Amino acid sequence: MLRLTLATILFLTANLAMAADGEHLCKSGKLERKVNIVELEAGKKAPCEVKYTKENGEEKVLYSAKADESYCSTKAHEFMGKLKELGWECPE
């Protein structure tokens, strides 16, 4: 029982570390795209990834950083700016 509890705690902790720091939903008509800033270590801005997900579930890592704490946020917002230039609505 103790092993199961420890395994559960470790699993949940690992998933929390992968939780999105910032999820942004961009829309163009009926189309939706998600831009996520993912912290790979709980409570730290780096390492991180910027993930881009289409409504069909196709997901790509657009950017990643090992040490620069502002890189992923900057890149995510730059990418959303490009989507806005193409007519997408991306609330901050």
PDB file of N, CA and C in Angstrom:
ATOM      1  N   MET A   1       0.828  -1.195   0.000  1.00  0.00           N
ATOM      2  CA  MET A   1       0.000   0.000   0.000  1.00  0.00           C
ATOM      3  C   MET A   1       0.867   1.251   0.000  1.00  0.00           C
ATOM      4  N   LEU A   2       1.937   1.240   0.812  1.00  0.00           N
ATOM      5  CA  LEU A   2       2.829   2.391   0.878  1.00  0.00           C
ATOM      6  C   LEU A   2       3.487   2.640  -0.475  1.00  0.00           C
ATOM      7  N   ARG A   3       3.887   1.577  -1.157  1.00  0.00           N
ATOM      8  CA  ARG A   3       4.504   1.728  -2.475  1.00  0.00           C
ATOM      9  C   ARG A   3       3.531   2.351  -3.469  1.00  0.00           C
ATOM     10  N   LEU A   4       2.292   1.922  -3.406  1.00  0.00           N
ATOM     11  CA  LEU A   4       1.285   2.480  -4.302  1.00  0.00           C
ATOM     12  C   LEU A   4       1.092   3.963  -4.032  1.00  0.00           C
ATOM     13  N   THR A   5       1.061   4.344  -2.777  1.00  0.00           N
ATOM     14  CA  THR A   5       0.886   5.749  -2.418  1.00  0.00           C
ATOM     15  C   THR A   5       2.079   6.571  -2.887  1.00  0.00           C
ATOM     16  N   LEU A   6       3.290   6.082  -2.660  1.00  0.00           N
ATOM     17  CA  LEU A   6       4.480   6.796  -3.108  1.00  0.00           C
ATOM     18  C   LEU A   6       4.517   6.908  -4.628  1.00  0.00           C
ATOM     19  N   ALA A   7       4.150   5.844  -5.303  1.00  0.00           N
ATOM     20  CA  ALA A   7       4.128   5.876  -6.764  1.00  0.00           C
ATOM     21  C   ALA A   7       3.110   6.899  -7.262  1.00  0.00           C
ATOM     22  N   THR A   8       1.966   6.950  -6.612  1.00  0.00           N
ATOM     23  CA  THR A   8       0.937   7.922  -6.991  1.00  0.00           C
ATOM     24  C   THR A   8       1.428   9.340  -6.778  1.00  0.00           C
ATOM     25  N   ILE A   9       2.075   9.591  -5.648  1.00  0.00           N
ATOM     26  CA  ILE A   9       2.603  10.925  -5.351  1.00  0.00           C
ATOM     27  C   ILE A   9       3.654  11.322  -6.384  1.00  0.00           C
ATOM     28  N   LEU A  10       4.547  10.415  -6.715  1.00  0.00           N
ATOM     29  CA  LEU A  10       5.577  10.710  -7.710  1.00  0.00           C
ATOM     30  C   LEU A  10       4.965  10.987  -9.076  1.00  0.00           C
ATOM     31  N   PHE A  11       3.959  10.215  -9.435  1.00  0.00           N
ATOM     32  CA  PHE A  11       3.289  10.423 -10.721  1.00  0.00           C
ATOM     33  C   PHE A  11       2.622  11.792 -10.771  1.00  0.00           C
ATOM     34  N   LEU A  12       1.898  12.147  -9.726  1.00  0.00           N
ATOM     35  CA  LEU A  12       1.212  13.439  -9.687  1.00  0.00           C
ATOM     36  C   LEU A  12       2.197  14.595  -9.680  1.00  0.00           C
ATOM     37  N   THR A  13       3.297  14.451  -8.951  1.00  0.00           N
ATOM     38  CA  THR A  13       4.314  15.495  -8.906  1.00  0.00           C
ATOM     39  C   THR A  13       4.927  15.702 -10.284  1.00  0.00           C
ATOM     40  N   ALA A  14       5.208  14.629 -10.981  1.00  0.00           N
ATOM     41  CA  ALA A  14       5.776  14.733 -12.329  1.00  0.00           C
ATOM     42  C   ALA A  14       4.797  15.432 -13.264  1.00  0.00           C
ATOM     43  N   ASN A  15       3.523  15.108 -13.150  1.00  0.00           N
ATOM     44  CA  ASN A  15       2.532  15.750 -14.014  1.00  0.00           C
ATOM     45  C   ASN A  15       2.357  17.219 -13.681  1.00  0.00           C
ATOM     46  N   LEU A  16       2.476  17.592 -12.424  1.00  0.00           N
ATOM     47  CA  LEU A  16       2.390  18.999 -12.055  1.00  0.00           C
ATOM     48  C   LEU A  16       3.552  19.781 -12.644  1.00  0.00           C
ATOM     49  N   ALA A  17       4.716  19.156 -12.697  1.00  0.00           N
ATOM     50  CA  ALA A  17       5.878  19.826 -13.286  1.00  0.00           C
ATOM     51  C   ALA A  17       5.657  20.097 -14.768  1.00  0.00           C
ATOM     52  N   MET A  18       4.844  19.284 -15.407  1.00  0.00           N
ATOM     53  CA  MET A  18       4.575  19.451 -16.825  1.00  0.00           C
ATOM     54  C   MET A  18       3.378  20.366 -17.080  1.00  0.00           C
ATOM     55  N   ALA A  19       2.730  20.849 -16.030  1.00  0.00           N
ATOM     56  CA  ALA A  19       1.528  21.672 -16.202  1.00  0.00           C
ATOM     57  C   ALA A  19       1.850  22.950 -16.958  1.00  0.00           C
ATOM     58  N   ALA A  20       0.886  23.398 -17.702  1.00  0.00           N
ATOM     59  CA  ALA A  20       1.081  24.610 -18.499  1.00  0.00           C
ATOM     60  C   ALA A  20       1.161  25.834 -17.613  1.00  0.00           C
ATOM     61  N   ASP A  21       2.195  26.617 -17.811  1.00  0.00           N
ATOM     62  CA  ASP A  21       2.347  27.899 -17.129  1.00  0.00           C
ATOM     63  C   ASP A  21       1.378  28.895 -17.730  1.00  0.00           C
ATOM     64  N   GLY A  22       1.206  28.831 -19.017  1.00  0.00           N
ATOM     65  CA  GLY A  22       0.293  29.729 -19.700  1.00  0.00           C
ATOM     66  C   GLY A  22      -0.301  29.052 -20.910  1.00  0.00           C
ATOM     67  N   GLU A  23      -1.621  28.971 -20.946  1.00  0.00           N
ATOM     68  CA  GLU A  23      -2.291  28.386 -22.095  1.00  0.00           C
ATOM     69  C   GLU A  23      -3.113  29.476 -22.757  1.00  0.00           C
ATOM     70  N   HIS A  24      -2.909  29.642 -24.044  1.00  0.00           N
ATOM     71  CA  HIS A  24      -3.600  30.680 -24.799  1.00  0.00           C
ATOM     72  C   HIS A  24      -4.365  30.023 -25.939  1.00  0.00           C
ATOM     73  N   LEU A  25      -5.646  30.347 -26.055  1.00  0.00           N
ATOM     74  CA  LEU A  25      -6.485  29.797 -27.105  1.00  0.00           C
ATOM     75  C   LEU A  25      -6.696  30.855 -28.178  1.00  0.00           C
ATOM     76  N   CYS A  26      -6.246  30.549 -29.381  1.00  0.00           N
ATOM     77  CA  CYS A  26      -6.394  31.465 -30.516  1.00  0.00           C
ATOM     78  C   CYS A  26      -7.483  30.927 -31.440  1.00  0.00           C
ATOM     79  N   LYS A  27      -8.292  31.843 -31.984  1.00  0.00           N
ATOM     80  CA  LYS A  27      -9.408  31.437 -32.836  1.00  0.00           C
ATOM     81  C   LYS A  27      -9.425  32.230 -34.134  1.00  0.00           C
ATOM     82  N   SER A  28      -9.856  31.530 -35.177  1.00  0.00           N
ATOM     83  CA  SER A  28     -10.102  32.150 -36.477  1.00  0.00           C
ATOM     84  C   SER A  28     -11.326  31.443 -37.048  1.00  0.00           C
ATOM     85  N   GLY A  29     -12.479  32.102 -36.971  1.00  0.00           N
ATOM     86  CA  GLY A  29     -13.715  31.443 -37.376  1.00  0.00           C
ATOM     87  C   GLY A  29     -13.978  30.262 -36.466  1.00  0.00           C
ATOM     88  N   LYS A  30     -14.138  29.076 -37.055  1.00  0.00           N
ATOM     89  CA  LYS A  30     -14.388  27.862 -36.270  1.00  0.00           C
ATOM     90  C   LYS A  30     -13.100  27.142 -35.878  1.00  0.00           C
ATOM     91  N   LEU A  31     -11.976  27.618 -36.380  1.00  0.00           N
ATOM     92  CA  LEU A  31     -10.691  26.980 -36.092  1.00  0.00           C
ATOM     93  C   LEU A  31     -10.131  27.462 -34.761  1.00  0.00           C
ATOM     94  N   GLU A  32      -9.467  26.558 -34.057  1.00  0.00           N
ATOM     95  CA  GLU A  32      -8.830  26.894 -32.780  1.00  0.00           C
ATOM     96  C   GLU A  32      -7.406  26.363 -32.756  1.00  0.00           C
ATOM     97  N   ARG A  33      -6.539  27.120 -32.129  1.00  0.00           N
ATOM     98  CA  ARG A  33      -5.152  26.712 -31.912  1.00  0.00           C
ATOM     99  C   ARG A  33      -4.791  27.048 -30.473  1.00  0.00           C
ATOM    100  N   LYS A  34      -4.029  26.173 -29.834  1.00  0.00           N
ATOM    101  CA  LYS A  34      -3.550  26.438 -28.481  1.00  0.00           C
ATOM    102  C   LYS A  34      -2.055  26.707 -28.525  1.00  0.00           C
ATOM    103  N   VAL A  35      -1.638  27.707 -27.790  1.00  0.00           N
ATOM    104  CA  VAL A  35      -0.224  28.001 -27.604  1.00  0.00           C
ATOM    105  C   VAL A  35       0.020  27.880 -26.107  1.00  0.00           C
ATOM    106  N   ASN A  36       0.826  26.901 -25.715  1.00  0.00           N
ATOM    107  CA  ASN A  36       1.073  26.624 -24.299  1.00  0.00           C
ATOM    108  C   ASN A  36       2.526  26.866 -23.936  1.00  0.00           C
ATOM    109  N   ILE A  37       2.722  27.517 -22.805  1.00  0.00           N
ATOM    110  CA  ILE A  37       4.055  27.648 -22.226  1.00  0.00           C
ATOM    111  C   ILE A  37       4.119  26.605 -21.118  1.00  0.00           C
ATOM    112  N   VAL A  38       5.001  25.635 -21.274  1.00  0.00           N
ATOM    113  CA  VAL A  38       5.072  24.511 -20.347  1.00  0.00           C
ATOM    114  C   VAL A  38       6.360  24.575 -19.538  1.00  0.00           C
ATOM    115  N   GLU A  39       6.221  24.611 -18.218  1.00  0.00           N
ATOM    116  CA  GLU A  39       7.379  24.524 -17.322  1.00  0.00           C
ATOM    117  C   GLU A  39       7.708  23.049 -17.149  1.00  0.00           C
ATOM    118  N   LEU A  40       8.931  22.665 -17.439  1.00  0.00           N
ATOM    119  CA  LEU A  40       9.319  21.261 -17.339  1.00  0.00           C
ATOM    120  C   LEU A  40       9.757  20.869 -15.937  1.00  0.00           C
ATOM    121  N   GLU A  41      10.028  21.847 -15.085  1.00  0.00           N
ATOM    122  CA  GLU A  41      10.336  21.596 -13.675  1.00  0.00           C
ATOM    123  C   GLU A  41       9.425  22.492 -12.848  1.00  0.00           C
ATOM    124  N   ALA A  42       8.746  21.902 -11.892  1.00  0.00           N
ATOM    125  CA  ALA A  42       7.768  22.632 -11.082  1.00  0.00           C
ATOM    126  C   ALA A  42       8.376  23.877 -10.452  1.00  0.00           C
ATOM    127  N   GLY A  43       7.691  25.000 -10.634  1.00  0.00           N
ATOM    128  CA  GLY A  43       8.105  26.246 -10.008  1.00  0.00           C
ATOM    129  C   GLY A  43       9.254  26.969 -10.682  1.00  0.00           C
ATOM    130  N   LYS A  44       9.736  26.440 -11.806  1.00  0.00           N
ATOM    131  CA  LYS A  44      10.854  27.076 -12.512  1.00  0.00           C
ATOM    132  C   LYS A  44      10.413  27.458 -13.915  1.00  0.00           C
ATOM    133  N   LYS A  45      10.834  28.626 -14.377  1.00  0.00           N
ATOM    134  CA  LYS A  45      10.496  29.097 -15.720  1.00  0.00           C
ATOM    135  C   LYS A  45      11.339  28.419 -16.799  1.00  0.00           C
ATOM    136  N   ALA A  46      12.423  27.786 -16.404  1.00  0.00           N
ATOM    137  CA  ALA A  46      13.261  27.041 -17.342  1.00  0.00           C
ATOM    138  C   ALA A  46      13.792  25.809 -16.616  1.00  0.00           C
ATOM    139  N   PRO A  47      13.889  24.694 -17.297  1.00  0.00           N
ATOM    140  CA  PRO A  47      13.630  24.473 -18.711  1.00  0.00           C
ATOM    141  C   PRO A  47      12.137  24.588 -19.031  1.00  0.00           C
ATOM    142  N   CYS A  48      11.872  24.913 -20.306  1.00  0.00           N
ATOM    143  CA  CYS A  48      10.489  25.131 -20.727  1.00  0.00           C
ATOM    144  C   CYS A  48      10.327  24.793 -22.203  1.00  0.00           C
ATOM    145  N   GLU A  49       9.065  24.706 -22.613  1.00  0.00           N
ATOM    146  CA  GLU A  49       8.729  24.489 -24.017  1.00  0.00           C
ATOM    147  C   GLU A  49       7.533  25.357 -24.383  1.00  0.00           C
ATOM    148  N   VAL A  50       7.465  25.727 -25.648  1.00  0.00           N
ATOM    149  CA  VAL A  50       6.275  26.370 -26.196  1.00  0.00           C
ATOM    150  C   VAL A  50       5.660  25.342 -27.142  1.00  0.00           C
ATOM    151  N   LYS A  51       4.438  24.911 -26.815  1.00  0.00           N
ATOM    152  CA  LYS A  51       3.749  23.912 -27.629  1.00  0.00           C
ATOM    153  C   LYS A  51       2.602  24.560 -28.394  1.00  0.00           C
ATOM    154  N   TYR A  52       2.407  24.087 -29.609  1.00  0.00           N
ATOM    155  CA  TYR A  52       1.366  24.583 -30.507  1.00  0.00           C
ATOM    156  C   TYR A  52       0.486  23.396 -30.860  1.00  0.00           C
ATOM    157  N   THR A  53      -0.822  23.503 -30.574  1.00  0.00           N
ATOM    158  CA  THR A  53      -1.738  22.394 -30.798  1.00  0.00           C
ATOM    159  C   THR A  53      -2.891  22.825 -31.691  1.00  0.00           C
ATOM    160  N   LYS A  54      -3.142  22.032 -32.728  1.00  0.00           N
ATOM    161  CA  LYS A  54      -4.280  22.276 -33.616  1.00  0.00           C
ATOM    162  C   LYS A  54      -5.502  21.545 -33.062  1.00  0.00           C
ATOM    163  N   GLU A  55      -6.686  21.903 -33.574  1.00  0.00           N
ATOM    164  CA  GLU A  55      -7.918  21.303 -33.057  1.00  0.00           C
ATOM    165  C   GLU A  55      -7.994  19.802 -33.308  1.00  0.00           C
ATOM    166  N   ASN A  56      -7.220  19.276 -34.255  1.00  0.00           N
ATOM    167  CA  ASN A  56      -7.210  17.836 -34.509  1.00  0.00           C
ATOM    168  C   ASN A  56      -6.285  17.087 -33.544  1.00  0.00           C
ATOM    169  N   GLY A  57      -5.665  17.817 -32.611  1.00  0.00           N
ATOM    170  CA  GLY A  57      -4.790  17.203 -31.622  1.00  0.00           C
ATOM    171  C   GLY A  57      -3.323  17.185 -32.013  1.00  0.00           C
ATOM    172  N   GLU A  58      -3.020  17.555 -33.254  1.00  0.00           N
ATOM    173  CA  GLU A  58      -1.622  17.605 -33.695  1.00  0.00           C
ATOM    174  C   GLU A  58      -0.870  18.637 -32.857  1.00  0.00           C
ATOM    175  N   GLU A  59       0.214  18.191 -32.228  1.00  0.00           N
ATOM    176  CA  GLU A  59       0.968  19.064 -31.325  1.00  0.00           C
ATOM    177  C   GLU A  59       2.425  19.134 -31.764  1.00  0.00           C
ATOM    178  N   LYS A  60       2.980  20.346 -31.717  1.00  0.00           N
ATOM    179  CA  LYS A  60       4.393  20.547 -32.053  1.00  0.00           C
ATOM    180  C   LYS A  60       5.043  21.390 -30.968  1.00  0.00           C
ATOM    181  N   VAL A  61       6.296  21.076 -30.668  1.00  0.00           N
ATOM    182  CA  VAL A  61       7.092  21.939 -29.802  1.00  0.00           C
ATOM    183  C   VAL A  61       7.772  22.940 -30.725  1.00  0.00           C
ATOM    184  N   LEU A  62       7.383  24.207 -30.584  1.00  0.00           N
ATOM    185  CA  LEU A  62       7.936  25.244 -31.451  1.00  0.00           C
ATOM    186  C   LEU A  62       9.269  25.767 -30.942  1.00  0.00           C
ATOM    187  N   TYR A  63       9.378  25.915 -29.627  1.00  0.00           N
ATOM    188  CA  TYR A  63      10.580  26.485 -29.005  1.00  0.00           C
ATOM    189  C   TYR A  63      10.823  25.772 -27.680  1.00  0.00           C
ATOM    190  N   SER A  64      12.078  25.766 -27.258  1.00  0.00           N
ATOM    191  CA  SER A  64      12.411  25.236 -25.934  1.00  0.00           C
ATOM    192  C   SER A  64      13.660  25.946 -25.418  1.00  0.00           C
ATOM    193  N   ALA A  65      13.780  25.964 -24.114  1.00  0.00           N
ATOM    194  CA  ALA A  65      14.945  26.592 -23.484  1.00  0.00           C
ATOM    195  C   ALA A  65      15.372  25.754 -22.293  1.00  0.00           C
ATOM    196  N   LYS A  66      16.674  25.726 -22.057  1.00  0.00           N
ATOM    197  CA  LYS A  66      17.208  24.997 -20.907  1.00  0.00           C
ATOM    198  C   LYS A  66      17.425  25.902 -19.710  1.00  0.00           C
ATOM    199  N   ALA A  67      17.824  27.162 -19.944  1.00  0.00           N
ATOM    200  CA  ALA A  67      18.193  28.025 -18.824  1.00  0.00           C
ATOM    201  C   ALA A  67      17.574  29.419 -18.858  1.00  0.00           C
ATOM    202  N   ASP A  68      17.274  29.952 -20.019  1.00  0.00           N
ATOM    203  CA  ASP A  68      16.756  31.320 -20.136  1.00  0.00           C
ATOM    204  C   ASP A  68      15.298  31.364 -19.682  1.00  0.00           C
ATOM    205  N   GLU A  69      15.048  32.001 -18.543  1.00  0.00           N
ATOM    206  CA  GLU A  69      13.719  31.994 -17.933  1.00  0.00           C
ATOM    207  C   GLU A  69      12.684  32.819 -18.686  1.00  0.00           C
ATOM    208  N   SER A  70      13.098  33.734 -19.527  1.00  0.00           N
ATOM    209  CA  SER A  70      12.127  34.559 -20.254  1.00  0.00           C
ATOM    210  C   SER A  70      11.922  34.097 -21.702  1.00  0.00           C
ATOM    211  N   TYR A  71      12.726  33.159 -22.156  1.00  0.00           N
ATOM    212  CA  TYR A  71      12.712  32.756 -23.563  1.00  0.00           C
ATOM    213  C   TYR A  71      11.354  32.225 -24.024  1.00  0.00           C
ATOM    214  N   CYS A  72      10.784  31.276 -23.300  1.00  0.00           N
ATOM    215  CA  CYS A  72       9.538  30.652 -23.751  1.00  0.00           C
ATOM    216  C   CYS A  72       8.380  31.638 -23.756  1.00  0.00           C
ATOM    217  N   SER A  73       8.298  32.468 -22.738  1.00  0.00           N
ATOM    218  CA  SER A  73       7.234  33.470 -22.695  1.00  0.00           C
ATOM    219  C   SER A  73       7.369  34.448 -23.861  1.00  0.00           C
ATOM    220  N   THR A  74       8.584  34.908 -24.095  1.00  0.00           N
ATOM    221  CA  THR A  74       8.834  35.840 -25.197  1.00  0.00           C
ATOM    222  C   THR A  74       8.471  35.210 -26.534  1.00  0.00           C
ATOM    223  N   LYS A  75       8.919  33.988 -26.763  1.00  0.00           N
ATOM    224  CA  LYS A  75       8.665  33.313 -28.035  1.00  0.00           C
ATOM    225  C   LYS A  75       7.183  33.006 -28.228  1.00  0.00           C
ATOM    226  N   ALA A  76       6.489  32.614 -27.161  1.00  0.00           N
ATOM    227  CA  ALA A  76       5.055  32.331 -27.263  1.00  0.00           C
ATOM    228  C   ALA A  76       4.297  33.586 -27.674  1.00  0.00           C
ATOM    229  N   HIS A  77       4.629  34.712 -27.050  1.00  0.00           N
ATOM    230  CA  HIS A  77       3.944  35.957 -27.377  1.00  0.00           C
ATOM    231  C   HIS A  77       4.304  36.457 -28.787  1.00  0.00           C
ATOM    232  N   GLU A  78       5.533  36.244 -29.206  1.00  0.00           N
ATOM    233  CA  GLU A  78       5.914  36.590 -30.582  1.00  0.00           C
ATOM    234  C   GLU A  78       5.121  35.746 -31.583  1.00  0.00           C
ATOM    235  N   PHE A  79       4.987  34.456 -31.285  1.00  0.00           N
ATOM    236  CA  PHE A  79       4.252  33.563 -32.177  1.00  0.00           C
ATOM    237  C   PHE A  79       2.773  33.954 -32.239  1.00  0.00           C
ATOM    238  N   MET A  80       2.189  34.287 -31.092  1.00  0.00           N
ATOM    239  CA  MET A  80       0.790  34.726 -31.086  1.00  0.00           C
ATOM    240  C   MET A  80       0.635  36.030 -31.865  1.00  0.00           C
ATOM    241  N   GLY A  81       1.649  36.882 -31.827  1.00  0.00           N
ATOM    242  CA  GLY A  81       1.632  38.104 -32.627  1.00  0.00           C
ATOM    243  C   GLY A  81       1.570  37.789 -34.113  1.00  0.00           C
ATOM    244  N   LYS A  82       2.308  36.749 -34.539  1.00  0.00           N
ATOM    245  CA  LYS A  82       2.270  36.335 -35.944  1.00  0.00           C
ATOM    246  C   LYS A  82       0.883  35.812 -36.316  1.00  0.00           C
ATOM    247  N   LEU A  83       0.278  35.032 -35.399  1.00  0.00           N
ATOM    248  CA  LEU A  83      -1.076  34.542 -35.660  1.00  0.00           C
ATOM    249  C   LEU A  83      -2.056  35.707 -35.792  1.00  0.00           C
ATOM    250  N   LYS A  84      -1.907  36.707 -34.929  1.00  0.00           N
ATOM    251  CA  LYS A  84      -2.788  37.885 -34.985  1.00  0.00           C
ATOM    252  C   LYS A  84      -2.640  38.612 -36.319  1.00  0.00           C
ATOM    253  N   GLU A  85      -1.414  38.709 -36.819  1.00  0.00           N
ATOM    254  CA  GLU A  85      -1.173  39.346 -38.121  1.00  0.00           C
ATOM    255  C   GLU A  85      -1.887  38.598 -39.246  1.00  0.00           C
ATOM    256  N   LEU A  86      -2.093  37.295 -39.040  1.00  0.00           N
ATOM    257  CA  LEU A  86      -2.779  36.471 -40.038  1.00  0.00           C
ATOM    258  C   LEU A  86      -4.292  36.447 -39.818  1.00  0.00           C
ATOM    259  N   GLY A  87      -4.777  37.248 -38.865  1.00  0.00           N
ATOM    260  CA  GLY A  87      -6.213  37.354 -38.639  1.00  0.00           C
ATOM    261  C   GLY A  87      -6.770  36.540 -37.490  1.00  0.00           C
ATOM    262  N   TRP A  88      -5.916  35.851 -36.754  1.00  0.00           N
ATOM    263  CA  TRP A  88      -6.365  35.069 -35.606  1.00  0.00           C
ATOM    264  C   TRP A  88      -6.593  35.990 -34.413  1.00  0.00           C
ATOM    265  N   GLU A  89      -7.529  35.601 -33.542  1.00  0.00           N
ATOM    266  CA  GLU A  89      -7.760  36.300 -32.281  1.00  0.00           C
ATOM    267  C   GLU A  89      -7.088  35.492 -31.179  1.00  0.00           C
ATOM    268  N   CYS A  90      -6.154  36.121 -30.485  1.00  0.00           N
ATOM    269  CA  CYS A  90      -5.406  35.451 -29.417  1.00  0.00           C
ATOM    270  C   CYS A  90      -5.432  36.326 -28.166  1.00  0.00           C
ATOM    271  N   PRO A  91      -6.419  36.136 -27.293  1.00  0.00           N
ATOM    272  CA  PRO A  91      -6.438  36.934 -26.061  1.00  0.00           C
ATOM    273  C   PRO A  91      -5.241  36.594 -25.182  1.00  0.00           C
ATOM    274  N   GLU A  92      -4.695  37.581 -24.536  1.00  0.00           N
ATOM    275  CA  GLU A  92      -3.517  37.380 -23.674  1.00  0.00           C
ATOM    276  C   GLU A  92      -3.923  36.839 -22.324  1.00  0.00           C
TER     277      GLU A  92
END
